[in-house]
Structures are given as structure tokens and as C-alpha cells.
């Protein structure tokens, strides 16, 4: 809520539909890949949008329901984190889950569904990593794609998720670019009963491409690595030794070339200096 966030240097409360918009765009991609009849479910924390509607003077519940109508979604409202695990275990009509993605606030140990809604910088509704063991491992199809778009979940929760469910969850190890709304939405789609789904083919498609653009830390590392390789090939073309160790230089034979990844400390510094120039 704006009453908690307005005094912060980096407030989260800019636009009520930040997570709804992100989930809608991702759903649009999946719907285009799977067709109009594939079952896609949204689990949305309701109380956050009920409270936010008073601040925005809008019918936010109706706006979210319009997304359900447009994309033929199964929309499920929930309040407590236990309702999420109950739905995963008992509310799917025996259909295996082929994909599960979380859009919302999180820390390294839990999904925070109502962050800064009732309590400043805290929440009263969550799904903690120690509660993941309540999820039935047989809920997910073999090779299901699971991703958290929240902050820090790759630091601890992803490991606990794998131990509890047997599926790998992609998660961030740092804080992403600030997201503005304090409520959460979960989106996942189903496979046919008892089998895997062709939807798993998307793991090499738009989802990972979108993730690549989201992780700025990874982008910086990739740019640095490209600069290192460019510097390495430049040295190799000139016949210059990569590295400073004397034992790598031969007085009689050709000079030994070192691996730029394993022995790249000096090269990394040079690459940074070159980028500054």
C-alpha cells in the first residue's frame, strides 16, 4: 500500500498491475504456443487487490477477471499460502502440472503474497520453503518447467523446492529491477492426465530469452566475458603470451597459450580498462 511505501527511496508501490501485467504477457506467450484449449490457471492473492482497489478507486477484481475472459483462464482466488498447496495437491482434476511460474515479491526463503499490504516491509500471507514438503511430488509432470520471477529465490528456496518436489526451479540470486506492486499471482498450465506435455518445449524459447534480458547481473558478466575473449584472440593473433607466469614462456619453442576462462584475472582487468577507454 502507498501509505507504507511513499517515504522509501525505492518504493514498490508504483502501479497496481505490475505483476498482473507481467503474468498476462507471459500467459499470452504460452497461449500462443499451446493453443486456445490448453488449461492455464492463475492463482491470485485476493485481499491485496481488494485493499488496493480502495486506494486506486477502481474495480481491480473486475479488471483481473477481464484477463481471465480474454485468455480463457481458470482463475482461482486465495488468501493463505496453505490454499496454494491445497490446490496443487487436490484441485487439479488429476492433471499433471507442466509449467509453474511465480510473479510476486519474495526473499530467499519464501513467496510473500501481501508484501507491504498490512505491515510495512512484511507480510501476513506467504509460502515458506519449509512448507514445500506439503506439495505432492506427483503433482508435476516429468521435466516440468518451474520459475520464480521474484527476488532472491535462487539463493535458498530453489534448492528446497527441488528436494520437496523433484523439479528444478529457476530463481534469481539477487534483487531484480524494482517491481512496484505488493501482491502476487501464480500462473501454471497443465499437461494431459498422467503424461508429460509438449508445452515443455518452450523451455528453450521465449521464457529463457525473457529471463536473459531480466537478469542484469548476468548480462554484465556476459559482456565482460565477451571482452575477455576478444582480448584473448587479439593477443593470440599477435603471438603474445596470455598470462605473466615465467614458467609459461619457452625460450626455444612457441609460447604456451593459457585458457582465458581459467587464467583470466589479468585479462579481466585489461578488459575493464579497455571498456573505460
C-alpha atoms as a PDB file:
ATOM      1  CA  UNK A   1       0.000   0.000   0.000  1.00  0.00           C
ATOM      2  CA  UNK A   2       1.100   3.533  -0.759  1.00  0.00           C
ATOM      3  CA  UNK A   3       0.892   4.539   2.897  1.00  0.00           C
ATOM      4  CA  UNK A   4       3.862   2.256   3.651  1.00  0.00           C
ATOM      5  CA  UNK A   5       5.925   2.833   0.532  1.00  0.00           C
ATOM      6  CA  UNK A   6       5.718   6.579  -0.185  1.00  0.00           C
ATOM      7  CA  UNK A   7       8.615   7.506   2.135  1.00  0.00           C
ATOM      8  CA  UNK A   8      11.065   4.889   0.813  1.00  0.00           C
ATOM      9  CA  UNK A   9      13.941   5.670  -1.517  1.00  0.00           C
ATOM     10  CA  UNK A  10      12.899   2.775  -3.770  1.00  0.00           C
ATOM     11  CA  UNK A  11       9.165   2.281  -3.230  1.00  0.00           C
ATOM     12  CA  UNK A  12       7.396  -0.823  -4.526  1.00  0.00           C
ATOM     13  CA  UNK A  13       4.014   0.833  -4.872  1.00  0.00           C
ATOM     14  CA  UNK A  14       4.055   2.461  -8.306  1.00  0.00           C
ATOM     15  CA  UNK A  15       1.379   0.603 -10.297  1.00  0.00           C
ATOM     16  CA  UNK A  16      -1.200  -1.853  -9.041  1.00  0.00           C
ATOM     17  CA  UNK A  17      -0.922  -4.148 -12.120  1.00  0.00           C
ATOM     18  CA  UNK A  18       2.834  -4.671 -12.269  1.00  0.00           C
ATOM     19  CA  UNK A  19       2.685  -8.395 -11.530  1.00  0.00           C
ATOM     20  CA  UNK A  20      -0.648  -8.827 -13.287  1.00  0.00           C
ATOM     21  CA  UNK A  21       0.795  -7.250 -16.406  1.00  0.00           C
ATOM     22  CA  UNK A  22       3.902  -9.465 -16.310  1.00  0.00           C
ATOM     23  CA  UNK A  23       1.810 -12.600 -15.821  1.00  0.00           C
ATOM     24  CA  UNK A  24      -0.534 -11.526 -18.602  1.00  0.00           C
ATOM     25  CA  UNK A  25       2.339 -11.092 -21.084  1.00  0.00           C
ATOM     26  CA  UNK A  26       3.772 -14.488 -20.162  1.00  0.00           C
ATOM     27  CA  UNK A  27       0.324 -16.079 -20.441  1.00  0.00           C
ATOM     28  CA  UNK A  28      -0.098 -14.554 -23.888  1.00  0.00           C
ATOM     29  CA  UNK A  29       3.154 -16.230 -24.987  1.00  0.00           C
ATOM     30  CA  UNK A  30       2.141 -19.601 -23.587  1.00  0.00           C
ATOM     31  CA  UNK A  31      -1.374 -19.397 -25.021  1.00  0.00           C
ATOM     32  CA  UNK A  32       0.054 -18.694 -28.479  1.00  0.00           C
ATOM     33  CA  UNK A  33       2.268 -21.788 -28.181  1.00  0.00           C
ATOM     34  CA  UNK A  34      -0.256 -24.210 -26.699  1.00  0.00           C
ATOM     35  CA  UNK A  35      -3.441 -23.118 -28.424  1.00  0.00           C
ATOM     36  CA  UNK A  36      -6.806 -21.896 -27.128  1.00  0.00           C
ATOM     37  CA  UNK A  37      -7.830 -25.105 -25.344  1.00  0.00           C
ATOM     38  CA  UNK A  38      -4.801 -25.704 -23.095  1.00  0.00           C
ATOM     39  CA  UNK A  39      -5.693 -25.352 -19.430  1.00  0.00           C
ATOM     40  CA  UNK A  40      -3.919 -22.421 -17.792  1.00  0.00           C
ATOM     41  CA  UNK A  41      -4.638 -21.474 -14.182  1.00  0.00           C
ATOM     42  CA  UNK A  42      -3.969 -18.249 -12.319  1.00  0.00           C
ATOM     43  CA  UNK A  43      -3.818 -18.343  -8.517  1.00  0.00           C
ATOM     44  CA  UNK A  44      -4.145 -14.743  -7.286  1.00  0.00           C
ATOM     45  CA  UNK A  45      -3.934 -13.373  -3.744  1.00  0.00           C
ATOM     46  CA  UNK A  46      -7.292 -11.597  -3.474  1.00  0.00           C
ATOM     47  CA  UNK A  47      -7.141  -9.472  -0.329  1.00  0.00           C
ATOM     48  CA  UNK A  48      -4.262  -7.404  -1.656  1.00  0.00           C
ATOM     49  CA  UNK A  49      -6.270  -6.287  -4.664  1.00  0.00           C
ATOM     50  CA  UNK A  50      -9.385  -5.691  -2.564  1.00  0.00           C
ATOM     51  CA  UNK A  51      -7.410  -3.306  -0.341  1.00  0.00           C
ATOM     52  CA  UNK A  52      -5.604  -1.696  -3.253  1.00  0.00           C
ATOM     53  CA  UNK A  53      -8.900  -1.082  -5.072  1.00  0.00           C
ATOM     54  CA  UNK A  54      -9.913   1.369  -2.326  1.00  0.00           C
ATOM     55  CA  UNK A  55      -6.700   3.309  -2.860  1.00  0.00           C
ATOM     56  CA  UNK A  56      -6.985   3.281  -6.653  1.00  0.00           C
ATOM     57  CA  UNK A  57     -10.770   3.872  -6.754  1.00  0.00           C
ATOM     58  CA  UNK A  58     -11.060   1.142  -9.364  1.00  0.00           C
ATOM     59  CA  UNK A  59     -12.645  -2.289  -9.578  1.00  0.00           C
ATOM     60  CA  UNK A  60      -9.381  -4.238  -9.680  1.00  0.00           C
ATOM     61  CA  UNK A  61     -11.116  -7.576  -9.214  1.00  0.00           C
ATOM     62  CA  UNK A  62     -13.178  -6.912 -12.319  1.00  0.00           C
ATOM     63  CA  UNK A  63     -10.081  -5.890 -14.293  1.00  0.00           C
ATOM     64  CA  UNK A  64      -8.286  -9.102 -13.379  1.00  0.00           C
ATOM     65  CA  UNK A  65     -11.385 -11.068 -14.282  1.00  0.00           C
ATOM     66  CA  UNK A  66     -11.315  -9.449 -17.733  1.00  0.00           C
ATOM     67  CA  UNK A  67      -7.894 -11.051 -18.292  1.00  0.00           C
ATOM     68  CA  UNK A  68      -9.446 -14.406 -17.398  1.00  0.00           C
ATOM     69  CA  UNK A  69     -12.133 -13.917 -20.020  1.00  0.00           C
ATOM     70  CA  UNK A  70      -9.746 -12.811 -22.747  1.00  0.00           C
ATOM     71  CA  UNK A  71      -7.289 -15.700 -22.360  1.00  0.00           C
ATOM     72  CA  UNK A  72      -9.711 -18.419 -21.252  1.00  0.00           C
ATOM     73  CA  UNK A  73      -8.035 -18.900 -17.870  1.00  0.00           C
ATOM     74  CA  UNK A  74      -9.007 -20.836 -14.776  1.00  0.00           C
ATOM     75  CA  UNK A  75      -8.887 -18.050 -12.164  1.00  0.00           C
ATOM     76  CA  UNK A  76      -8.570 -19.133  -8.518  1.00  0.00           C
ATOM     77  CA  UNK A  77      -8.506 -16.595  -5.680  1.00  0.00           C
ATOM     78  CA  UNK A  78      -6.715 -17.470  -2.441  1.00  0.00           C
ATOM     79  CA  UNK A  79      -5.892 -15.861   0.911  1.00  0.00           C
ATOM     80  CA  UNK A  80      -3.477 -18.084   2.847  1.00  0.00           C
ATOM     81  CA  UNK A  81      -0.393 -19.814   1.496  1.00  0.00           C
ATOM     82  CA  UNK A  82      -1.807 -23.172   2.565  1.00  0.00           C
ATOM     83  CA  UNK A  83      -4.574 -22.720  -0.022  1.00  0.00           C
ATOM     84  CA  UNK A  84      -1.928 -22.754  -2.760  1.00  0.00           C
ATOM     85  CA  UNK A  85      -0.537 -26.129  -1.687  1.00  0.00           C
ATOM     86  CA  UNK A  86      -4.070 -27.478  -1.228  1.00  0.00           C
ATOM     87  CA  UNK A  87      -4.970 -26.521  -4.778  1.00  0.00           C
ATOM     88  CA  UNK A  88      -1.780 -28.025  -6.192  1.00  0.00           C
ATOM     89  CA  UNK A  89      -2.500 -31.295  -4.414  1.00  0.00           C
ATOM     90  CA  UNK A  90      -6.272 -31.572  -4.716  1.00  0.00           C
ATOM     91  CA  UNK A  91      -7.704 -29.016  -7.133  1.00  0.00           C
ATOM     92  CA  UNK A  92      -6.271 -30.035 -10.487  1.00  0.00           C
ATOM     93  CA  UNK A  93      -8.607 -32.850 -11.586  1.00  0.00           C
ATOM     94  CA  UNK A  94      -5.660 -35.291 -11.615  1.00  0.00           C
ATOM     95  CA  UNK A  95      -3.870 -33.324 -14.341  1.00  0.00           C
ATOM     96  CA  UNK A  96      -0.088 -33.104 -14.183  1.00  0.00           C
ATOM     97  CA  UNK A  97       1.457 -29.636 -13.982  1.00  0.00           C
ATOM     98  CA  UNK A  98       3.765 -28.988 -16.949  1.00  0.00           C
ATOM     99  CA  UNK A  99       4.710 -25.431 -16.009  1.00  0.00           C
ATOM    100  CA  UNK A 100       4.619 -23.295 -12.869  1.00  0.00           C
ATOM    101  CA  UNK A 101       5.720 -19.652 -12.699  1.00  0.00           C
ATOM    102  CA  UNK A 102       5.545 -17.196  -9.807  1.00  0.00           C
ATOM    103  CA  UNK A 103       5.112 -13.431 -10.245  1.00  0.00           C
ATOM    104  CA  UNK A 104       5.356 -11.562  -6.962  1.00  0.00           C
ATOM    105  CA  UNK A 105       7.553 -10.450  -4.092  1.00  0.00           C
ATOM    106  CA  UNK A 106       9.859 -12.955  -2.436  1.00  0.00           C
ATOM    107  CA  UNK A 107      13.009 -13.312  -0.394  1.00  0.00           C
ATOM    108  CA  UNK A 108      15.498 -16.151  -0.239  1.00  0.00           C
ATOM    109  CA  UNK A 109      13.163 -18.350   1.813  1.00  0.00           C
ATOM    110  CA  UNK A 110       9.548 -17.673   0.815  1.00  0.00           C
ATOM    111  CA  UNK A 111       6.983 -16.248  -1.570  1.00  0.00           C
ATOM    112  CA  UNK A 112       5.469 -13.120   0.047  1.00  0.00           C
ATOM    113  CA  UNK A 113       1.910 -12.725  -1.232  1.00  0.00           C
ATOM    114  CA  UNK A 114       0.930  -9.498   0.584  1.00  0.00           C
ATOM    115  CA  UNK A 115       4.237  -7.689   0.992  1.00  0.00           C
ATOM    116  CA  UNK A 116       3.699  -4.192   2.480  1.00  0.00           C
ATOM    117  CA  UNK A 117      -0.060  -4.596   2.336  1.00  0.00           C
ATOM    118  CA  UNK A 118      -0.970  -4.731   6.030  1.00  0.00           C
ATOM    119  CA  UNK A 119       2.515  -4.370   7.554  1.00  0.00           C
ATOM    120  CA  UNK A 120       5.342  -2.168   6.297  1.00  0.00           C
ATOM    121  CA  UNK A 121       8.011  -4.270   4.511  1.00  0.00           C
ATOM    122  CA  UNK A 122       6.492  -7.513   5.823  1.00  0.00           C
ATOM    123  CA  UNK A 123       3.657  -9.894   5.017  1.00  0.00           C
ATOM    124  CA  UNK A 124       0.941 -11.978   6.675  1.00  0.00           C
ATOM    125  CA  UNK A 125       0.413 -14.424   3.808  1.00  0.00           C
ATOM    126  CA  UNK A 126       3.304 -16.460   2.471  1.00  0.00           C
ATOM    127  CA  UNK A 127       4.580 -19.829   1.277  1.00  0.00           C
ATOM    128  CA  UNK A 128       7.778 -20.692   3.154  1.00  0.00           C
ATOM    129  CA  UNK A 129      10.439 -23.070   1.872  1.00  0.00           C
ATOM    130  CA  UNK A 130       9.910 -25.319   4.903  1.00  0.00           C
ATOM    131  CA  UNK A 131       6.273 -25.758   3.817  1.00  0.00           C
ATOM    132  CA  UNK A 132       7.170 -27.045   0.354  1.00  0.00           C
ATOM    133  CA  UNK A 133       7.239 -30.618   1.630  1.00  0.00           C
ATOM    134  CA  UNK A 134       3.434 -30.411   1.782  1.00  0.00           C
ATOM    135  CA  UNK A 135       3.355 -30.381  -2.031  1.00  0.00           C
ATOM    136  CA  UNK A 136       2.862 -33.828  -3.534  1.00  0.00           C
ATOM    137  CA  UNK A 137       5.822 -34.735  -5.748  1.00  0.00           C
ATOM    138  CA  UNK A 138       3.451 -36.420  -8.191  1.00  0.00           C
ATOM    139  CA  UNK A 139       1.707 -33.122  -8.947  1.00  0.00           C
ATOM    140  CA  UNK A 140       4.293 -32.218 -11.592  1.00  0.00           C
ATOM    141  CA  UNK A 141       4.892 -33.783 -14.986  1.00  0.00           C
ATOM    142  CA  UNK A 142       8.335 -35.149 -15.691  1.00  0.00           C
ATOM    143  CA  UNK A 143      10.647 -32.308 -16.691  1.00  0.00           C
ATOM    144  CA  UNK A 144       8.150 -29.594 -15.705  1.00  0.00           C
ATOM    145  CA  UNK A 145       9.339 -26.013 -16.166  1.00  0.00           C
ATOM    146  CA  UNK A 146       9.267 -24.086 -12.858  1.00  0.00           C
ATOM    147  CA  UNK A 147      10.439 -20.497 -12.435  1.00  0.00           C
ATOM    148  CA  UNK A 148      10.222 -17.774  -9.807  1.00  0.00           C
ATOM    149  CA  UNK A 149      10.314 -14.239 -11.145  1.00  0.00           C
ATOM    150  CA  UNK A 150      10.691 -12.874  -7.601  1.00  0.00           C
ATOM    151  CA  UNK A 151      13.886 -11.728  -5.885  1.00  0.00           C
ATOM    152  CA  UNK A 152      16.482 -13.928  -4.161  1.00  0.00           C
ATOM    153  CA  UNK A 153      14.682 -17.292  -4.501  1.00  0.00           C
ATOM    154  CA  UNK A 154      17.726 -18.805  -6.190  1.00  0.00           C
ATOM    155  CA  UNK A 155      19.738 -18.342  -3.002  1.00  0.00           C
ATOM    156  CA  UNK A 156      17.891 -20.959  -0.956  1.00  0.00           C
ATOM    157  CA  UNK A 157      14.282 -21.641  -1.928  1.00  0.00           C
ATOM    158  CA  UNK A 158      15.156 -23.197  -5.299  1.00  0.00           C
ATOM    159  CA  UNK A 159      17.161 -25.915  -3.549  1.00  0.00           C
ATOM    160  CA  UNK A 160      14.361 -26.643  -1.095  1.00  0.00           C
ATOM    161  CA  UNK A 161      11.868 -26.737  -3.977  1.00  0.00           C
ATOM    162  CA  UNK A 162      13.885 -29.400  -5.760  1.00  0.00           C
ATOM    163  CA  UNK A 163      14.205 -31.520  -2.617  1.00  0.00           C
ATOM    164  CA  UNK A 164      10.472 -31.302  -1.962  1.00  0.00           C
ATOM    165  CA  UNK A 165       9.069 -31.702  -5.483  1.00  0.00           C
ATOM    166  CA  UNK A 166      11.817 -33.265  -7.593  1.00  0.00           C
ATOM    167  CA  UNK A 167      11.577 -30.406 -10.146  1.00  0.00           C
ATOM    168  CA  UNK A 168      14.159 -27.679 -10.639  1.00  0.00           C
ATOM    169  CA  UNK A 169      13.027 -24.102 -10.004  1.00  0.00           C
ATOM    170  CA  UNK A 170      14.859 -21.290 -11.790  1.00  0.00           C
ATOM    171  CA  UNK A 171      15.339 -18.402  -9.357  1.00  0.00           C
ATOM    172  CA  UNK A 172      17.297 -15.161  -9.044  1.00  0.00           C
ATOM    173  CA  UNK A 173      20.277 -14.883  -6.696  1.00  0.00           C
ATOM    174  CA  UNK A 174      19.955 -11.117  -6.337  1.00  0.00           C
ATOM    175  CA  UNK A 175      17.377  -8.374  -6.391  1.00  0.00           C
ATOM    176  CA  UNK A 176      15.970  -7.661  -9.823  1.00  0.00           C
ATOM    177  CA  UNK A 177      14.910  -4.289 -11.094  1.00  0.00           C
ATOM    178  CA  UNK A 178      12.352  -2.885  -8.605  1.00  0.00           C
ATOM    179  CA  UNK A 179       8.828  -4.202  -9.111  1.00  0.00           C
ATOM    180  CA  UNK A 180       6.029  -1.990  -7.989  1.00  0.00           C
ATOM    181  CA  UNK A 181       3.064  -3.873  -6.607  1.00  0.00           C
ATOM    182  CA  UNK A 182       2.702  -5.650  -3.311  1.00  0.00           C
ATOM    183  CA  UNK A 183       0.517  -8.569  -4.334  1.00  0.00           C
ATOM    184  CA  UNK A 184       1.217 -11.856  -6.051  1.00  0.00           C
ATOM    185  CA  UNK A 185      -0.034 -14.010  -8.894  1.00  0.00           C
ATOM    186  CA  UNK A 186       0.926 -17.554  -9.819  1.00  0.00           C
ATOM    187  CA  UNK A 187       0.438 -18.966 -13.297  1.00  0.00           C
ATOM    188  CA  UNK A 188       0.790 -22.554 -14.397  1.00  0.00           C
ATOM    189  CA  UNK A 189      -0.538 -24.791 -17.118  1.00  0.00           C
ATOM    190  CA  UNK A 190      -1.449 -28.450 -17.147  1.00  0.00           C
ATOM    191  CA  UNK A 191      -0.466 -31.489 -19.132  1.00  0.00           C
ATOM    192  CA  UNK A 192      -2.834 -34.281 -20.020  1.00  0.00           C
ATOM    193  CA  UNK A 193      -3.609 -36.695 -17.160  1.00  0.00           C
ATOM    194  CA  UNK A 194      -0.700 -38.993 -16.369  1.00  0.00           C
ATOM    195  CA  UNK A 195       1.756 -37.815 -19.032  1.00  0.00           C
ATOM    196  CA  UNK A 196       4.197 -35.057 -19.938  1.00  0.00           C
ATOM    197  CA  UNK A 197       3.247 -32.139 -22.145  1.00  0.00           C
ATOM    198  CA  UNK A 198       4.520 -30.667 -25.374  1.00  0.00           C
ATOM    199  CA  UNK A 199       4.477 -27.374 -23.529  1.00  0.00           C
ATOM    200  CA  UNK A 200       7.861 -28.320 -22.109  1.00  0.00           C
ATOM    201  CA  UNK A 201       9.394 -27.455 -25.486  1.00  0.00           C
ATOM    202  CA  UNK A 202       9.127 -23.808 -24.565  1.00  0.00           C
ATOM    203  CA  UNK A 203      11.958 -24.106 -22.054  1.00  0.00           C
ATOM    204  CA  UNK A 204      14.349 -23.208 -24.853  1.00  0.00           C
ATOM    205  CA  UNK A 205      12.120 -20.472 -26.195  1.00  0.00           C
ATOM    206  CA  UNK A 206      10.585 -17.243 -25.036  1.00  0.00           C
ATOM    207  CA  UNK A 207      10.807 -17.958 -21.301  1.00  0.00           C
ATOM    208  CA  UNK A 208      14.582 -18.234 -21.223  1.00  0.00           C
ATOM    209  CA  UNK A 209      15.012 -15.385 -23.712  1.00  0.00           C
ATOM    210  CA  UNK A 210      12.896 -13.148 -21.482  1.00  0.00           C
ATOM    211  CA  UNK A 211      14.863 -14.279 -18.411  1.00  0.00           C
ATOM    212  CA  UNK A 212      18.129 -13.408 -20.146  1.00  0.00           C
ATOM    213  CA  UNK A 213      17.027  -9.807 -20.557  1.00  0.00           C
ATOM    214  CA  UNK A 214      15.750  -9.626 -16.973  1.00  0.00           C
ATOM    215  CA  UNK A 215      18.945 -10.634 -15.189  1.00  0.00           C
ATOM    216  CA  UNK A 216      21.150  -7.564 -15.474  1.00  0.00           C
ATOM    217  CA  UNK A 217      23.862  -9.144 -13.378  1.00  0.00           C
ATOM    218  CA  UNK A 218      24.169 -11.996 -15.844  1.00  0.00           C
ATOM    219  CA  UNK A 219      24.255  -9.528 -18.723  1.00  0.00           C
ATOM    220  CA  UNK A 220      27.203  -7.695 -17.166  1.00  0.00           C
ATOM    221  CA  UNK A 221      29.070 -10.971 -16.765  1.00  0.00           C
ATOM    222  CA  UNK A 222      28.411 -11.930 -20.369  1.00  0.00           C
ATOM    223  CA  UNK A 223      29.647  -8.559 -21.638  1.00  0.00           C
ATOM    224  CA  UNK A 224      32.803  -8.899 -19.565  1.00  0.00           C
ATOM    225  CA  UNK A 225      33.363 -12.438 -20.824  1.00  0.00           C
ATOM    226  CA  UNK A 226      32.963 -11.316 -24.433  1.00  0.00           C
ATOM    227  CA  UNK A 227      35.521  -8.568 -23.843  1.00  0.00           C
ATOM    228  CA  UNK A 228      37.908 -11.115 -22.326  1.00  0.00           C
ATOM    229  CA  UNK A 229      37.605 -13.431 -25.302  1.00  0.00           C
ATOM    230  CA  UNK A 230      38.130 -10.525 -27.717  1.00  0.00           C
ATOM    231  CA  UNK A 231      41.289  -9.549 -25.848  1.00  0.00           C
ATOM    232  CA  UNK A 232      42.442 -13.168 -25.841  1.00  0.00           C
ATOM    233  CA  UNK A 233      42.076 -13.548 -29.605  1.00  0.00           C
ATOM    234  CA  UNK A 234      43.834 -10.223 -30.143  1.00  0.00           C
ATOM    235  CA  UNK A 235      46.822 -11.423 -28.109  1.00  0.00           C
ATOM    236  CA  UNK A 236      46.834 -14.747 -29.895  1.00  0.00           C
ATOM    237  CA  UNK A 237      46.887 -13.061 -33.304  1.00  0.00           C
ATOM    238  CA  UNK A 238      49.959 -11.089 -32.243  1.00  0.00           C
ATOM    239  CA  UNK A 239      51.678 -14.164 -30.781  1.00  0.00           C
ATOM    240  CA  UNK A 240      51.722 -12.708 -27.292  1.00  0.00           C
ATOM    241  CA  UNK A 241      51.607 -14.924 -24.230  1.00  0.00           C
ATOM    242  CA  UNK A 242      48.355 -14.775 -22.248  1.00  0.00           C
ATOM    243  CA  UNK A 243      49.480 -14.617 -18.643  1.00  0.00           C
ATOM    244  CA  UNK A 244      52.526 -13.352 -16.808  1.00  0.00           C
ATOM    245  CA  UNK A 245      53.969 -16.503 -15.241  1.00  0.00           C
ATOM    246  CA  UNK A 246      57.543 -17.178 -16.283  1.00  0.00           C
ATOM    247  CA  UNK A 247      57.007 -20.947 -16.427  1.00  0.00           C
ATOM    248  CA  UNK A 248      54.532 -20.386 -19.273  1.00  0.00           C
ATOM    249  CA  UNK A 249      57.239 -18.875 -21.504  1.00  0.00           C
ATOM    250  CA  UNK A 250      59.520 -21.074 -23.549  1.00  0.00           C
ATOM    251  CA  UNK A 251      62.938 -19.740 -24.649  1.00  0.00           C
ATOM    252  CA  UNK A 252      63.266 -22.153 -27.565  1.00  0.00           C
ATOM    253  CA  UNK A 253      59.767 -23.184 -28.599  1.00  0.00           C
ATOM    254  CA  UNK A 254      56.456 -21.425 -29.167  1.00  0.00           C
ATOM    255  CA  UNK A 255      54.868 -19.697 -26.236  1.00  0.00           C
ATOM    256  CA  UNK A 256      52.208 -21.539 -24.267  1.00  0.00           C
ATOM    257  CA  UNK A 257      48.703 -20.137 -24.516  1.00  0.00           C
ATOM    258  CA  UNK A 258      46.616 -20.175 -21.363  1.00  0.00           C
ATOM    259  CA  UNK A 259      42.895 -20.638 -21.075  1.00  0.00           C
ATOM    260  CA  UNK A 260      41.188 -17.189 -20.830  1.00  0.00           C
ATOM    261  CA  UNK A 261      38.472 -18.516 -18.510  1.00  0.00           C
ATOM    262  CA  UNK A 262      40.677 -20.434 -16.052  1.00  0.00           C
ATOM    263  CA  UNK A 263      43.523 -17.870 -16.120  1.00  0.00           C
ATOM    264  CA  UNK A 264      41.671 -14.645 -16.830  1.00  0.00           C
ATOM    265  CA  UNK A 265      42.341 -12.417 -13.830  1.00  0.00           C
ATOM    266  CA  UNK A 266      44.799 -10.143 -15.608  1.00  0.00           C
ATOM    267  CA  UNK A 267      42.720 -10.233 -18.751  1.00  0.00           C
ATOM    268  CA  UNK A 268      39.587  -9.249 -16.876  1.00  0.00           C
ATOM    269  CA  UNK A 269      41.327  -6.137 -15.576  1.00  0.00           C
ATOM    270  CA  UNK A 270      42.561  -5.247 -19.034  1.00  0.00           C
ATOM    271  CA  UNK A 271      39.109  -5.770 -20.458  1.00  0.00           C
ATOM    272  CA  UNK A 272      37.644  -3.392 -17.892  1.00  0.00           C
ATOM    273  CA  UNK A 273      40.252  -0.760 -18.752  1.00  0.00           C
ATOM    274  CA  UNK A 274      39.546  -1.168 -22.451  1.00  0.00           C
ATOM    275  CA  UNK A 275      35.798  -0.712 -21.866  1.00  0.00           C
ATOM    276  CA  UNK A 276      36.510   2.531 -19.989  1.00  0.00           C
ATOM    277  CA  UNK A 277      38.536   3.790 -22.932  1.00  0.00           C
END
